[in-house]
């Protein structure tokens, strides 16, 4: 995980309170909410950062390698755990749900990350991955900003939607649902729009819900 999330945690978190950040957060949250398992059972966010999504969605546990954002997550009543997503410090089958929000693009080993998510999910659990596809105008914009030295995006490698699907399939998951938003062109002044069920081609934010393949 890029050190910027450790060193610039307050700056990263403050972005969500800007007009731009508040609207994008609301749109992404509305896209994720229908797919996140409501419980009962513990739910985990991997790459929880400062805990904005977990707090809004009522997730109980959040894991991140960086200490500074975890302190912010703890203030939002998220059970903060320091650790790496590729080596989750939890027992098999612990969680009813696992959430990633723009996390896979920062992973050192996406396959290991998803393999660990599968391990800690209960048999009936669900994984939800909120992603910014590279094959969208928003993904290409963030990728360009990263190459230009953006402190957060420069550590990301944005993946196409097909690459996300393949990673999930290879890890033993099957897609069970999807929701899309940010179908508008990227700008510094985004406008309200509703979340749409399914995968909308070109959407800048897509939430994929996946379940573990039935065991034979």
C-alpha atoms as a PDB file:
ATOM      1  CA  UNK A   1       0.000   0.000   0.000  1.00  0.00           C
ATOM      2  CA  UNK A   2       1.449   3.429  -0.890  1.00  0.00           C
ATOM      3  CA  UNK A   3       2.975   5.303   2.026  1.00  0.00           C
ATOM      4  CA  UNK A   4       0.901   8.354   1.056  1.00  0.00           C
ATOM      5  CA  UNK A   5      -2.080   6.805   2.854  1.00  0.00           C
ATOM      6  CA  UNK A   6       0.026   6.736   6.034  1.00  0.00           C
ATOM      7  CA  UNK A   7       1.677  10.106   5.662  1.00  0.00           C
ATOM      8  CA  UNK A   8      -1.287  12.030   4.254  1.00  0.00           C
ATOM      9  CA  UNK A   9      -4.174  10.340   6.078  1.00  0.00           C
ATOM     10  CA  UNK A  10      -5.747  13.602   7.247  1.00  0.00           C
ATOM     11  CA  UNK A  11      -5.592  15.078   3.742  1.00  0.00           C
ATOM     12  CA  UNK A  12      -7.103  11.928   2.253  1.00  0.00           C
ATOM     13  CA  UNK A  13      -9.941  11.894   4.786  1.00  0.00           C
ATOM     14  CA  UNK A  14     -10.635  15.629   4.416  1.00  0.00           C
ATOM     15  CA  UNK A  15     -11.302  15.137   0.680  1.00  0.00           C
ATOM     16  CA  UNK A  16     -14.564  13.406   1.618  1.00  0.00           C
ATOM     17  CA  UNK A  17     -15.755  16.659   3.225  1.00  0.00           C
ATOM     18  CA  UNK A  18     -15.178  18.698   0.058  1.00  0.00           C
ATOM     19  CA  UNK A  19     -18.118  19.323  -2.282  1.00  0.00           C
ATOM     20  CA  UNK A  20     -16.556  17.010  -4.887  1.00  0.00           C
ATOM     21  CA  UNK A  21     -15.759  14.303  -2.357  1.00  0.00           C
ATOM     22  CA  UNK A  22     -19.162  14.395  -0.648  1.00  0.00           C
ATOM     23  CA  UNK A  23     -20.999  13.841  -3.922  1.00  0.00           C
ATOM     24  CA  UNK A  24     -18.740  11.060  -5.225  1.00  0.00           C
ATOM     25  CA  UNK A  25     -18.909   9.328  -1.846  1.00  0.00           C
ATOM     26  CA  UNK A  26     -22.717   9.518  -1.858  1.00  0.00           C
ATOM     27  CA  UNK A  27     -22.913   8.093  -5.394  1.00  0.00           C
ATOM     28  CA  UNK A  28     -20.520   5.239  -4.636  1.00  0.00           C
ATOM     29  CA  UNK A  29     -22.239   4.471  -1.344  1.00  0.00           C
ATOM     30  CA  UNK A  30     -25.626   4.264  -3.091  1.00  0.00           C
ATOM     31  CA  UNK A  31     -24.084   1.840  -5.583  1.00  0.00           C
ATOM     32  CA  UNK A  32     -22.594  -0.396  -2.884  1.00  0.00           C
ATOM     33  CA  UNK A  33     -25.464  -0.400  -0.404  1.00  0.00           C
ATOM     34  CA  UNK A  34     -27.862  -2.764  -2.256  1.00  0.00           C
ATOM     35  CA  UNK A  35     -25.138  -5.403  -2.578  1.00  0.00           C
ATOM     36  CA  UNK A  36     -23.563  -5.394   0.891  1.00  0.00           C
ATOM     37  CA  UNK A  37     -24.966  -8.221   3.056  1.00  0.00           C
ATOM     38  CA  UNK A  38     -27.012  -6.667   5.877  1.00  0.00           C
ATOM     39  CA  UNK A  39     -26.156  -9.372   8.429  1.00  0.00           C
ATOM     40  CA  UNK A  40     -26.539 -11.081  10.796  1.00  0.00           C
ATOM     41  CA  UNK A  41     -22.887 -11.917  11.124  1.00  0.00           C
ATOM     42  CA  UNK A  42     -19.668  -9.930  11.171  1.00  0.00           C
ATOM     43  CA  UNK A  43     -18.626  -8.047   8.042  1.00  0.00           C
ATOM     44  CA  UNK A  44     -15.123  -6.943   7.134  1.00  0.00           C
ATOM     45  CA  UNK A  45     -13.758  -4.175   4.918  1.00  0.00           C
ATOM     46  CA  UNK A  46     -10.264  -4.850   3.574  1.00  0.00           C
ATOM     47  CA  UNK A  47      -8.420  -1.599   2.880  1.00  0.00           C
ATOM     48  CA  UNK A  48     -10.759   0.283   5.196  1.00  0.00           C
ATOM     49  CA  UNK A  49      -8.715   3.494   5.181  1.00  0.00           C
ATOM     50  CA  UNK A  50     -10.342   6.113   7.388  1.00  0.00           C
ATOM     51  CA  UNK A  51     -13.523   4.082   7.704  1.00  0.00           C
ATOM     52  CA  UNK A  52     -15.982   6.244   5.809  1.00  0.00           C
ATOM     53  CA  UNK A  53     -17.635   3.386   3.890  1.00  0.00           C
ATOM     54  CA  UNK A  54     -17.644   0.913   6.787  1.00  0.00           C
ATOM     55  CA  UNK A  55     -19.187   3.455   9.143  1.00  0.00           C
ATOM     56  CA  UNK A  56     -21.900   4.377   6.640  1.00  0.00           C
ATOM     57  CA  UNK A  57     -22.694   0.742   5.817  1.00  0.00           C
ATOM     58  CA  UNK A  58     -22.529  -0.501   9.397  1.00  0.00           C
ATOM     59  CA  UNK A  59     -19.599  -2.868   8.904  1.00  0.00           C
ATOM     60  CA  UNK A  60     -18.101  -4.035  12.158  1.00  0.00           C
ATOM     61  CA  UNK A  61     -14.428  -4.673  11.290  1.00  0.00           C
ATOM     62  CA  UNK A  62     -11.957  -2.837   9.074  1.00  0.00           C
ATOM     63  CA  UNK A  63      -8.425  -3.857   8.165  1.00  0.00           C
ATOM     64  CA  UNK A  64      -5.676  -1.679   6.716  1.00  0.00           C
ATOM     65  CA  UNK A  65      -1.867  -1.794   6.680  1.00  0.00           C
ATOM     66  CA  UNK A  66      -1.564   1.911   7.527  1.00  0.00           C
ATOM     67  CA  UNK A  67      -1.904   3.009  11.154  1.00  0.00           C
ATOM     68  CA  UNK A  68      -2.833   6.679  10.632  1.00  0.00           C
ATOM     69  CA  UNK A  69      -6.085   6.087   8.698  1.00  0.00           C
ATOM     70  CA  UNK A  70      -6.989   3.250  11.065  1.00  0.00           C
ATOM     71  CA  UNK A  71      -7.017   5.716  13.934  1.00  0.00           C
ATOM     72  CA  UNK A  72      -9.629   7.724  12.021  1.00  0.00           C
ATOM     73  CA  UNK A  73     -11.638   4.566  11.334  1.00  0.00           C
ATOM     74  CA  UNK A  74     -11.622   3.700  15.037  1.00  0.00           C
ATOM     75  CA  UNK A  75     -13.085   7.131  15.828  1.00  0.00           C
ATOM     76  CA  UNK A  76     -15.965   6.183  13.525  1.00  0.00           C
ATOM     77  CA  UNK A  77     -16.653   3.107  15.684  1.00  0.00           C
ATOM     78  CA  UNK A  78     -15.162   0.655  13.180  1.00  0.00           C
ATOM     79  CA  UNK A  79     -13.230  -2.214  14.764  1.00  0.00           C
ATOM     80  CA  UNK A  80      -9.805  -1.280  13.382  1.00  0.00           C
ATOM     81  CA  UNK A  81      -7.237  -4.024  12.739  1.00  0.00           C
ATOM     82  CA  UNK A  82      -3.793  -3.413  11.271  1.00  0.00           C
ATOM     83  CA  UNK A  83      -2.684  -6.032   8.783  1.00  0.00           C
ATOM     84  CA  UNK A  84      -2.205  -7.021   5.174  1.00  0.00           C
ATOM     85  CA  UNK A  85      -5.089  -8.201   3.051  1.00  0.00           C
ATOM     86  CA  UNK A  86      -2.866 -10.908   1.582  1.00  0.00           C
ATOM     87  CA  UNK A  87      -2.489 -12.436   5.070  1.00  0.00           C
ATOM     88  CA  UNK A  88      -5.710 -11.801   6.962  1.00  0.00           C
ATOM     89  CA  UNK A  89      -5.393 -12.359  10.727  1.00  0.00           C
ATOM     90  CA  UNK A  90      -8.781 -14.067  10.998  1.00  0.00           C
ATOM     91  CA  UNK A  91     -10.010 -17.653  11.166  1.00  0.00           C
ATOM     92  CA  UNK A  92     -11.625 -19.443   8.258  1.00  0.00           C
ATOM     93  CA  UNK A  93     -15.302 -18.647   7.756  1.00  0.00           C
ATOM     94  CA  UNK A  94     -15.378 -15.720  10.197  1.00  0.00           C
ATOM     95  CA  UNK A  95     -17.323 -13.204   8.110  1.00  0.00           C
ATOM     96  CA  UNK A  96     -20.734 -12.986   6.473  1.00  0.00           C
ATOM     97  CA  UNK A  97     -19.424 -10.326   4.119  1.00  0.00           C
ATOM     98  CA  UNK A  98     -16.134  -8.904   2.867  1.00  0.00           C
ATOM     99  CA  UNK A  99     -15.944  -5.486   1.210  1.00  0.00           C
ATOM    100  CA  UNK A 100     -13.279  -3.930  -1.018  1.00  0.00           C
ATOM    101  CA  UNK A 101     -13.672  -0.320  -2.156  1.00  0.00           C
ATOM    102  CA  UNK A 102     -11.072   0.631  -4.777  1.00  0.00           C
ATOM    103  CA  UNK A 103      -8.624  -1.731  -3.091  1.00  0.00           C
ATOM    104  CA  UNK A 104      -7.680  -4.327  -5.705  1.00  0.00           C
ATOM    105  CA  UNK A 105      -5.899  -1.705  -7.825  1.00  0.00           C
ATOM    106  CA  UNK A 106      -3.488  -1.076  -4.931  1.00  0.00           C
ATOM    107  CA  UNK A 107      -2.828  -4.724  -4.072  1.00  0.00           C
ATOM    108  CA  UNK A 108       0.653  -6.175  -4.358  1.00  0.00           C
ATOM    109  CA  UNK A 109      -0.937  -9.573  -5.038  1.00  0.00           C
ATOM    110  CA  UNK A 110      -4.596  -9.400  -6.084  1.00  0.00           C
ATOM    111  CA  UNK A 111      -4.905 -13.191  -6.299  1.00  0.00           C
ATOM    112  CA  UNK A 112      -3.680 -13.631  -2.720  1.00  0.00           C
ATOM    113  CA  UNK A 113      -5.984 -10.843  -1.549  1.00  0.00           C
ATOM    114  CA  UNK A 114      -9.039 -12.542  -3.034  1.00  0.00           C
ATOM    115  CA  UNK A 115      -7.905 -15.968  -1.878  1.00  0.00           C
ATOM    116  CA  UNK A 116      -7.762 -14.710   1.685  1.00  0.00           C
ATOM    117  CA  UNK A 117     -11.172 -13.078   1.318  1.00  0.00           C
ATOM    118  CA  UNK A 118     -12.590 -16.401   0.202  1.00  0.00           C
ATOM    119  CA  UNK A 119     -10.954 -18.179   3.143  1.00  0.00           C
ATOM    120  CA  UNK A 120     -12.461 -15.908   5.800  1.00  0.00           C
ATOM    121  CA  UNK A 121     -15.944 -15.854   4.246  1.00  0.00           C
ATOM    122  CA  UNK A 122     -18.626 -18.123   5.641  1.00  0.00           C
ATOM    123  CA  UNK A 123     -20.031 -20.580   3.057  1.00  0.00           C
ATOM    124  CA  UNK A 124     -23.089 -18.401   2.538  1.00  0.00           C
ATOM    125  CA  UNK A 125     -21.093 -15.153   2.672  1.00  0.00           C
ATOM    126  CA  UNK A 126     -20.757 -12.519  -0.028  1.00  0.00           C
ATOM    127  CA  UNK A 127     -17.834 -10.496  -1.294  1.00  0.00           C
ATOM    128  CA  UNK A 128     -18.494  -7.001  -2.656  1.00  0.00           C
ATOM    129  CA  UNK A 129     -15.845  -5.191  -4.687  1.00  0.00           C
ATOM    130  CA  UNK A 130     -16.322  -1.542  -5.600  1.00  0.00           C
ATOM    131  CA  UNK A 131     -14.011  -0.836  -8.535  1.00  0.00           C
ATOM    132  CA  UNK A 132     -13.038   1.969 -10.889  1.00  0.00           C
ATOM    133  CA  UNK A 133     -12.595   0.164 -14.219  1.00  0.00           C
ATOM    134  CA  UNK A 134      -9.651   1.223 -16.365  1.00  0.00           C
ATOM    135  CA  UNK A 135     -11.935   0.858 -19.385  1.00  0.00           C
ATOM    136  CA  UNK A 136     -13.933   3.888 -18.260  1.00  0.00           C
ATOM    137  CA  UNK A 137     -13.224   7.580 -18.658  1.00  0.00           C
ATOM    138  CA  UNK A 138     -12.920   7.926 -14.878  1.00  0.00           C
ATOM    139  CA  UNK A 139     -10.399   5.086 -14.661  1.00  0.00           C
ATOM    140  CA  UNK A 140      -8.286   6.545 -17.445  1.00  0.00           C
ATOM    141  CA  UNK A 141      -8.429   9.953 -15.775  1.00  0.00           C
ATOM    142  CA  UNK A 142      -7.166   8.592 -12.460  1.00  0.00           C
ATOM    143  CA  UNK A 143      -4.481   6.567 -14.215  1.00  0.00           C
ATOM    144  CA  UNK A 144      -3.276   9.714 -15.997  1.00  0.00           C
ATOM    145  CA  UNK A 145      -3.249  11.637 -12.726  1.00  0.00           C
ATOM    146  CA  UNK A 146      -1.227   8.840 -11.139  1.00  0.00           C
ATOM    147  CA  UNK A 147       1.387   8.977 -13.889  1.00  0.00           C
ATOM    148  CA  UNK A 148       1.575  12.737 -13.310  1.00  0.00           C
ATOM    149  CA  UNK A 149       2.485  12.137  -9.655  1.00  0.00           C
ATOM    150  CA  UNK A 150      -0.830  12.279  -7.805  1.00  0.00           C
ATOM    151  CA  UNK A 151       0.108  11.202  -4.247  1.00  0.00           C
ATOM    152  CA  UNK A 152      -2.636   8.576  -4.010  1.00  0.00           C
ATOM    153  CA  UNK A 153      -3.233   7.394  -7.565  1.00  0.00           C
ATOM    154  CA  UNK A 154       0.437   7.006  -8.450  1.00  0.00           C
ATOM    155  CA  UNK A 155       0.498   3.745  -6.495  1.00  0.00           C
ATOM    156  CA  UNK A 156      -2.546   2.320  -8.280  1.00  0.00           C
ATOM    157  CA  UNK A 157      -2.808   0.024 -11.279  1.00  0.00           C
ATOM    158  CA  UNK A 158      -6.362   0.309 -12.507  1.00  0.00           C
ATOM    159  CA  UNK A 159      -7.800  -2.857 -14.017  1.00  0.00           C
ATOM    160  CA  UNK A 160     -10.420  -3.354 -16.693  1.00  0.00           C
ATOM    161  CA  UNK A 161     -13.780  -4.777 -15.746  1.00  0.00           C
ATOM    162  CA  UNK A 162     -12.870  -8.004 -17.551  1.00  0.00           C
ATOM    163  CA  UNK A 163      -9.692  -8.262 -15.467  1.00  0.00           C
ATOM    164  CA  UNK A 164     -11.708  -7.853 -12.265  1.00  0.00           C
ATOM    165  CA  UNK A 165     -14.110 -10.569 -13.356  1.00  0.00           C
ATOM    166  CA  UNK A 166     -11.242 -12.903 -14.219  1.00  0.00           C
ATOM    167  CA  UNK A 167      -9.563 -12.329 -10.858  1.00  0.00           C
ATOM    168  CA  UNK A 168     -12.784 -13.168  -9.044  1.00  0.00           C
ATOM    169  CA  UNK A 169     -13.380 -16.280 -11.133  1.00  0.00           C
ATOM    170  CA  UNK A 170      -9.806 -17.491 -10.676  1.00  0.00           C
ATOM    171  CA  UNK A 171     -10.181 -17.046  -6.900  1.00  0.00           C
ATOM    172  CA  UNK A 172     -13.235 -19.320  -6.859  1.00  0.00           C
ATOM    173  CA  UNK A 173     -16.015 -16.734  -6.959  1.00  0.00           C
ATOM    174  CA  UNK A 174     -18.990 -16.316  -9.251  1.00  0.00           C
ATOM    175  CA  UNK A 175     -20.686 -12.965  -9.867  1.00  0.00           C
ATOM    176  CA  UNK A 176     -24.064 -12.777  -8.134  1.00  0.00           C
ATOM    177  CA  UNK A 177     -25.003  -9.133  -8.705  1.00  0.00           C
ATOM    178  CA  UNK A 178     -23.768  -5.741  -9.858  1.00  0.00           C
ATOM    179  CA  UNK A 179     -24.578  -2.043  -9.670  1.00  0.00           C
ATOM    180  CA  UNK A 180     -23.108   0.943 -11.533  1.00  0.00           C
ATOM    181  CA  UNK A 181     -22.778   4.705 -11.201  1.00  0.00           C
ATOM    182  CA  UNK A 182     -20.709   7.612 -12.567  1.00  0.00           C
ATOM    183  CA  UNK A 183     -21.977   7.197 -16.101  1.00  0.00           C
ATOM    184  CA  UNK A 184     -21.354  10.922 -16.598  1.00  0.00           C
ATOM    185  CA  UNK A 185     -18.119  12.256 -18.052  1.00  0.00           C
ATOM    186  CA  UNK A 186     -15.352  12.910 -15.502  1.00  0.00           C
ATOM    187  CA  UNK A 187     -15.166  16.454 -14.183  1.00  0.00           C
ATOM    188  CA  UNK A 188     -14.278  18.416 -11.078  1.00  0.00           C
ATOM    189  CA  UNK A 189     -17.948  19.332 -10.769  1.00  0.00           C
ATOM    190  CA  UNK A 190     -19.895  16.042 -10.894  1.00  0.00           C
ATOM    191  CA  UNK A 191     -23.678  16.014 -10.712  1.00  0.00           C
ATOM    192  CA  UNK A 192     -26.195  13.798  -8.951  1.00  0.00           C
ATOM    193  CA  UNK A 193     -27.166  10.563 -10.651  1.00  0.00           C
ATOM    194  CA  UNK A 194     -28.829   7.384  -9.541  1.00  0.00           C
ATOM    195  CA  UNK A 195     -27.203   3.997  -9.171  1.00  0.00           C
ATOM    196  CA  UNK A 196     -28.217   1.528 -11.886  1.00  0.00           C
ATOM    197  CA  UNK A 197     -28.630  -2.208 -11.386  1.00  0.00           C
ATOM    198  CA  UNK A 198     -26.206  -4.318 -13.388  1.00  0.00           C
ATOM    199  CA  UNK A 199     -23.017  -3.395 -15.204  1.00  0.00           C
ATOM    200  CA  UNK A 200     -23.354  -0.248 -17.294  1.00  0.00           C
ATOM    201  CA  UNK A 201     -20.636  -0.121 -19.987  1.00  0.00           C
ATOM    202  CA  UNK A 202     -18.290   2.783 -19.379  1.00  0.00           C
ATOM    203  CA  UNK A 203     -19.482   3.459 -15.810  1.00  0.00           C
ATOM    204  CA  UNK A 204     -16.766   4.995 -13.661  1.00  0.00           C
ATOM    205  CA  UNK A 205     -17.687   3.008 -10.550  1.00  0.00           C
ATOM    206  CA  UNK A 206     -19.028  -0.542 -10.543  1.00  0.00           C
ATOM    207  CA  UNK A 207     -19.897  -2.690  -7.530  1.00  0.00           C
ATOM    208  CA  UNK A 208     -19.669  -6.445  -8.047  1.00  0.00           C
ATOM    209  CA  UNK A 209     -21.181  -8.901  -5.590  1.00  0.00           C
ATOM    210  CA  UNK A 210     -19.695 -12.399  -5.660  1.00  0.00           C
ATOM    211  CA  UNK A 211     -20.293 -15.672  -3.874  1.00  0.00           C
ATOM    212  CA  UNK A 212     -18.079 -18.684  -3.471  1.00  0.00           C
ATOM    213  CA  UNK A 213     -18.678 -21.453  -5.980  1.00  0.00           C
ATOM    214  CA  UNK A 214     -20.736 -24.272  -4.466  1.00  0.00           C
ATOM    215  CA  UNK A 215     -18.511 -26.963  -3.020  1.00  0.00           C
ATOM    216  CA  UNK A 216     -18.912 -30.386  -4.678  1.00  0.00           C
END
